[in-house]
Amino acid sequence: MTVYEELVALAEREAELIAAGEWAEVVGLESLRRSLSERLPAAPPAEARGALELAERRLRENAGAIAASLAETRGELDRLARTRAALGPYAAAAAPRLELKA
């Protein structure tokens, strides 16, 4: 397997992890990505074009999937904040109180 094919495989693995919501593992791929980038020549050979285009396409798709997930998470956090604000007075009234007797 060439380093370019490894880049495609890495991007595909990243896509699988993103789809599964395995964010810690996505972050863990960074060292492998760095290692692969260090092995790339300054100028790729012509025969690497197909693999590089495929890797770029997959990476763009991955970036889009990450952005969509972040937007979804932001929406969930906003909903929770609104719910918490609406329940605030009720939560304060229902809070348990500790009475100390001498």
N, C-alpha and C. Protein backbone atom coordinates (compact mmCIF):
# COMPACT_ATOMS: atom_id res chain seq x y z
N MET A 1 0.85 -1.18 0.00
CA MET A 1 0.00 0.00 0.00
C MET A 1 0.90 1.24 0.00
N THR A 2 0.60 2.17 -0.90
CA THR A 2 1.37 3.40 -0.97
C THR A 2 0.92 4.36 0.13
N VAL A 3 1.72 5.37 0.37
CA VAL A 3 1.37 6.37 1.38
C VAL A 3 0.08 7.08 0.97
N TYR A 4 -0.16 7.21 -0.32
CA TYR A 4 -1.38 7.87 -0.81
C TYR A 4 -2.61 7.00 -0.55
N GLU A 5 -2.46 5.71 -0.73
CA GLU A 5 -3.55 4.79 -0.41
C GLU A 5 -3.79 4.76 1.10
N GLU A 6 -2.73 4.91 1.88
CA GLU A 6 -2.88 5.00 3.33
C GLU A 6 -3.65 6.25 3.73
N LEU A 7 -3.43 7.36 3.02
CA LEU A 7 -4.19 8.58 3.28
C LEU A 7 -5.68 8.37 3.03
N VAL A 8 -6.00 7.68 1.95
CA VAL A 8 -7.40 7.39 1.64
C VAL A 8 -7.99 6.50 2.74
N ALA A 9 -7.25 5.48 3.13
CA ALA A 9 -7.73 4.57 4.18
C ALA A 9 -7.94 5.32 5.49
N LEU A 10 -7.04 6.23 5.80
CA LEU A 10 -7.17 7.04 7.02
C LEU A 10 -8.42 7.91 6.96
N ALA A 11 -8.66 8.55 5.83
CA ALA A 11 -9.84 9.40 5.69
C ALA A 11 -11.12 8.56 5.79
N GLU A 12 -11.10 7.36 5.24
CA GLU A 12 -12.28 6.48 5.34
C GLU A 12 -12.49 6.00 6.78
N ARG A 13 -11.43 5.69 7.47
CA ARG A 13 -11.53 5.29 8.88
C ARG A 13 -12.07 6.45 9.71
N GLU A 14 -11.59 7.64 9.43
CA GLU A 14 -12.06 8.82 10.13
C GLU A 14 -13.57 9.00 9.90
N ALA A 15 -14.02 8.78 8.66
CA ALA A 15 -15.45 8.91 8.35
C ALA A 15 -16.27 7.92 9.15
N GLU A 16 -15.79 6.70 9.28
CA GLU A 16 -16.49 5.69 10.08
C GLU A 16 -16.61 6.12 11.54
N LEU A 17 -15.52 6.65 12.08
CA LEU A 17 -15.51 7.07 13.48
C LEU A 17 -16.42 8.28 13.70
N ILE A 18 -16.42 9.20 12.75
CA ILE A 18 -17.29 10.37 12.86
C ILE A 18 -18.75 9.91 12.85
N ALA A 19 -19.08 9.02 11.94
CA ALA A 19 -20.46 8.52 11.84
C ALA A 19 -20.89 7.82 13.12
N ALA A 20 -19.95 7.16 13.78
CA ALA A 20 -20.25 6.44 15.02
C ALA A 20 -20.18 7.35 16.25
N GLY A 21 -19.73 8.60 16.06
CA GLY A 21 -19.61 9.51 17.19
C GLY A 21 -18.46 9.16 18.12
N GLU A 22 -17.46 8.51 17.61
CA GLU A 22 -16.29 8.11 18.40
C GLU A 22 -15.24 9.22 18.35
N TRP A 23 -15.54 10.33 19.01
CA TRP A 23 -14.71 11.53 18.89
C TRP A 23 -13.31 11.36 19.46
N ALA A 24 -13.16 10.64 20.53
CA ALA A 24 -11.82 10.44 21.10
C ALA A 24 -10.93 9.68 20.12
N GLU A 25 -11.53 8.73 19.42
CA GLU A 25 -10.75 7.98 18.43
C GLU A 25 -10.43 8.83 17.20
N VAL A 26 -11.34 9.73 16.83
CA VAL A 26 -11.06 10.65 15.72
C VAL A 26 -9.84 11.49 16.07
N VAL A 27 -9.83 12.03 17.28
CA VAL A 27 -8.68 12.84 17.72
C VAL A 27 -7.42 11.98 17.76
N GLY A 28 -7.57 10.73 18.14
CA GLY A 28 -6.42 9.82 18.21
C GLY A 28 -5.77 9.54 16.86
N LEU A 29 -6.49 9.81 15.77
CA LEU A 29 -5.92 9.58 14.45
C LEU A 29 -4.89 10.65 14.06
N GLU A 30 -4.83 11.73 14.81
CA GLU A 30 -3.94 12.83 14.46
C GLU A 30 -2.48 12.39 14.37
N SER A 31 -2.03 11.54 15.27
CA SER A 31 -0.63 11.12 15.22
C SER A 31 -0.36 10.30 13.95
N LEU A 32 -1.31 9.48 13.54
CA LEU A 32 -1.15 8.72 12.31
C LEU A 32 -1.14 9.67 11.10
N ARG A 33 -2.02 10.66 11.12
CA ARG A 33 -2.07 11.65 10.03
C ARG A 33 -0.72 12.38 9.94
N ARG A 34 -0.19 12.77 11.08
CA ARG A 34 1.10 13.47 11.11
C ARG A 34 2.21 12.58 10.56
N SER A 35 2.20 11.33 10.96
CA SER A 35 3.21 10.38 10.48
C SER A 35 3.13 10.21 8.97
N LEU A 36 1.91 10.10 8.45
CA LEU A 36 1.75 9.95 7.00
C LEU A 36 2.21 11.21 6.27
N SER A 37 1.86 12.37 6.80
CA SER A 37 2.25 13.62 6.12
C SER A 37 3.77 13.79 6.10
N GLU A 38 4.44 13.28 7.10
CA GLU A 38 5.91 13.36 7.13
C GLU A 38 6.54 12.46 6.07
N ARG A 39 5.82 11.43 5.66
CA ARG A 39 6.33 10.50 4.66
C ARG A 39 6.03 10.93 3.23
N LEU A 40 5.22 11.96 3.06
CA LEU A 40 4.87 12.41 1.71
C LEU A 40 6.02 13.16 1.08
N PRO A 41 6.26 12.91 -0.20
CA PRO A 41 7.30 13.68 -0.88
C PRO A 41 6.81 15.11 -1.13
N ALA A 42 7.73 16.01 -1.40
CA ALA A 42 7.37 17.41 -1.64
C ALA A 42 6.45 17.54 -2.85
N ALA A 43 6.70 16.75 -3.87
CA ALA A 43 5.86 16.77 -5.08
C ALA A 43 5.35 15.35 -5.33
N PRO A 44 4.04 15.17 -5.35
CA PRO A 44 3.51 13.81 -5.57
C PRO A 44 3.70 13.37 -7.02
N PRO A 45 3.87 12.08 -7.21
CA PRO A 45 3.97 11.58 -8.59
C PRO A 45 2.59 11.65 -9.27
N ALA A 46 2.59 11.67 -10.57
CA ALA A 46 1.35 11.78 -11.34
C ALA A 46 0.38 10.64 -11.01
N GLU A 47 0.89 9.47 -10.77
CA GLU A 47 0.02 8.32 -10.51
C GLU A 47 -0.69 8.40 -9.15
N ALA A 48 -0.30 9.34 -8.31
CA ALA A 48 -0.95 9.51 -7.00
C ALA A 48 -2.18 10.41 -7.09
N ARG A 49 -2.42 10.99 -8.25
CA ARG A 49 -3.50 11.97 -8.40
C ARG A 49 -4.87 11.41 -7.98
N GLY A 50 -5.21 10.24 -8.43
CA GLY A 50 -6.51 9.65 -8.11
C GLY A 50 -6.69 9.46 -6.61
N ALA A 51 -5.69 8.93 -5.96
CA ALA A 51 -5.78 8.71 -4.51
C ALA A 51 -5.85 10.04 -3.76
N LEU A 52 -5.08 11.02 -4.21
CA LEU A 52 -5.10 12.32 -3.54
C LEU A 52 -6.46 13.01 -3.71
N GLU A 53 -7.05 12.90 -4.89
CA GLU A 53 -8.37 13.49 -5.10
C GLU A 53 -9.43 12.80 -4.25
N LEU A 54 -9.33 11.47 -4.16
CA LEU A 54 -10.27 10.73 -3.33
C LEU A 54 -10.11 11.09 -1.86
N ALA A 55 -8.86 11.18 -1.41
CA ALA A 55 -8.61 11.55 0.00
C ALA A 55 -9.13 12.95 0.27
N GLU A 56 -8.90 13.88 -0.66
CA GLU A 56 -9.39 15.25 -0.46
C GLU A 56 -10.92 15.28 -0.40
N ARG A 57 -11.57 14.57 -1.29
CA ARG A 57 -13.04 14.52 -1.29
C ARG A 57 -13.57 13.97 0.03
N ARG A 58 -12.95 12.89 0.50
CA ARG A 58 -13.40 12.28 1.75
C ARG A 58 -13.15 13.21 2.93
N LEU A 59 -12.02 13.90 2.93
CA LEU A 59 -11.73 14.84 4.01
C LEU A 59 -12.71 16.00 4.04
N ARG A 60 -13.12 16.47 2.86
CA ARG A 60 -14.14 17.52 2.81
C ARG A 60 -15.48 17.02 3.36
N GLU A 61 -15.82 15.79 3.01
CA GLU A 61 -17.05 15.18 3.53
C GLU A 61 -16.96 15.04 5.05
N ASN A 62 -15.79 14.63 5.54
CA ASN A 62 -15.59 14.49 6.98
C ASN A 62 -15.74 15.83 7.69
N ALA A 63 -15.16 16.87 7.09
CA ALA A 63 -15.27 18.21 7.69
C ALA A 63 -16.73 18.64 7.74
N GLY A 64 -17.49 18.34 6.70
CA GLY A 64 -18.91 18.66 6.70
C GLY A 64 -19.67 17.89 7.76
N ALA A 65 -19.34 16.62 7.94
CA ALA A 65 -20.00 15.81 8.95
C ALA A 65 -19.67 16.31 10.36
N ILE A 66 -18.44 16.74 10.57
CA ILE A 66 -18.04 17.29 11.87
C ILE A 66 -18.80 18.59 12.12
N ALA A 67 -18.88 19.44 11.12
CA ALA A 67 -19.60 20.71 11.27
C ALA A 67 -21.07 20.45 11.59
N ALA A 68 -21.68 19.49 10.93
CA ALA A 68 -23.09 19.17 11.19
C ALA A 68 -23.27 18.64 12.61
N SER A 69 -22.34 17.82 13.06
CA SER A 69 -22.42 17.29 14.42
C SER A 69 -22.26 18.40 15.45
N LEU A 70 -21.34 19.33 15.19
CA LEU A 70 -21.16 20.47 16.10
C LEU A 70 -22.42 21.33 16.15
N ALA A 71 -23.05 21.55 15.01
CA ALA A 71 -24.28 22.34 14.98
C ALA A 71 -25.39 21.63 15.75
N GLU A 72 -25.47 20.33 15.61
CA GLU A 72 -26.48 19.56 16.34
C GLU A 72 -26.22 19.63 17.85
N THR A 73 -24.97 19.49 18.24
CA THR A 73 -24.62 19.57 19.66
C THR A 73 -24.92 20.96 20.21
N ARG A 74 -24.62 21.98 19.43
CA ARG A 74 -24.91 23.36 19.86
C ARG A 74 -26.42 23.54 20.06
N GLY A 75 -27.21 22.99 19.15
CA GLY A 75 -28.66 23.06 19.28
C GLY A 75 -29.15 22.37 20.54
N GLU A 76 -28.58 21.21 20.85
CA GLU A 76 -28.96 20.49 22.07
C GLU A 76 -28.60 21.31 23.32
N LEU A 77 -27.43 21.91 23.31
CA LEU A 77 -27.01 22.73 24.45
C LEU A 77 -27.92 23.95 24.61
N ASP A 78 -28.28 24.55 23.51
CA ASP A 78 -29.20 25.70 23.57
C ASP A 78 -30.56 25.28 24.15
N ARG A 79 -31.08 24.14 23.71
CA ARG A 79 -32.36 23.64 24.24
C ARG A 79 -32.27 23.37 25.74
N LEU A 80 -31.17 22.77 26.16
CA LEU A 80 -30.98 22.50 27.59
C LEU A 80 -30.90 23.79 28.39
N ALA A 81 -30.23 24.78 27.85
CA ALA A 81 -30.12 26.06 28.55
C ALA A 81 -31.49 26.71 28.69
N ARG A 82 -32.30 26.66 27.64
CA ARG A 82 -33.65 27.24 27.72
C ARG A 82 -34.51 26.48 28.73
N THR A 83 -34.41 25.16 28.73
CA THR A 83 -35.19 24.35 29.67
C THR A 83 -34.76 24.65 31.10
N ARG A 84 -33.46 24.74 31.31
CA ARG A 84 -32.95 25.03 32.65
C ARG A 84 -33.43 26.41 33.12
N ALA A 85 -33.40 27.38 32.23
CA ALA A 85 -33.84 28.72 32.60
C ALA A 85 -35.33 28.72 32.95
N ALA A 86 -36.11 27.96 32.18
CA ALA A 86 -37.54 27.91 32.44
C ALA A 86 -37.85 27.19 33.74
N LEU A 87 -37.06 26.22 34.09
CA LEU A 87 -37.29 25.44 35.31
C LEU A 87 -36.62 26.05 36.54
N GLY A 88 -35.81 27.05 36.35
CA GLY A 88 -35.05 27.65 37.44
C GLY A 88 -35.86 27.96 38.68
N PRO A 89 -36.94 28.70 38.59
CA PRO A 89 -37.72 29.02 39.80
C PRO A 89 -38.30 27.76 40.47
N TYR A 90 -38.70 26.79 39.66
CA TYR A 90 -39.26 25.57 40.24
C TYR A 90 -38.18 24.74 40.94
N ALA A 91 -37.01 24.69 40.36
CA ALA A 91 -35.92 23.93 40.96
C ALA A 91 -35.50 24.54 42.29
N ALA A 92 -35.49 25.86 42.36
CA ALA A 92 -35.11 26.52 43.61
C ALA A 92 -36.15 26.25 44.70
N ALA A 93 -37.42 26.23 44.33
CA ALA A 93 -38.48 25.99 45.31
C ALA A 93 -38.46 24.55 45.81
N ALA A 94 -38.04 23.63 44.95
CA ALA A 94 -38.07 22.21 45.32
C ALA A 94 -36.76 21.73 45.93
N ALA A 95 -35.79 22.61 46.08
CA ALA A 95 -34.49 22.19 46.60
C ALA A 95 -34.63 21.70 48.03
N PRO A 96 -34.02 20.58 48.36
CA PRO A 96 -34.09 20.08 49.73
C PRO A 96 -33.38 21.03 50.70
N ARG A 97 -33.93 21.13 51.85
CA ARG A 97 -33.32 22.02 52.87
C ARG A 97 -32.89 21.17 54.05
N LEU A 98 -31.79 21.52 54.58
CA LEU A 98 -31.25 20.79 55.73
C LEU A 98 -31.46 21.64 56.97
N GLU A 99 -32.15 21.07 57.91
CA GLU A 99 -32.38 21.77 59.17
C GLU A 99 -31.56 21.10 60.25
N LEU A 100 -30.81 21.88 60.95
CA LEU A 100 -29.99 21.36 62.04
C LEU A 100 -30.71 21.63 63.35
N LYS A 101 -30.85 20.63 64.17
CA LYS A 101 -31.47 20.80 65.48
C LYS A 101 -30.41 20.64 66.55
N ALA A 102 -30.49 21.45 67.53
CA ALA A 102 -29.51 21.44 68.59
C ALA A 102 -29.84 20.40 69.63
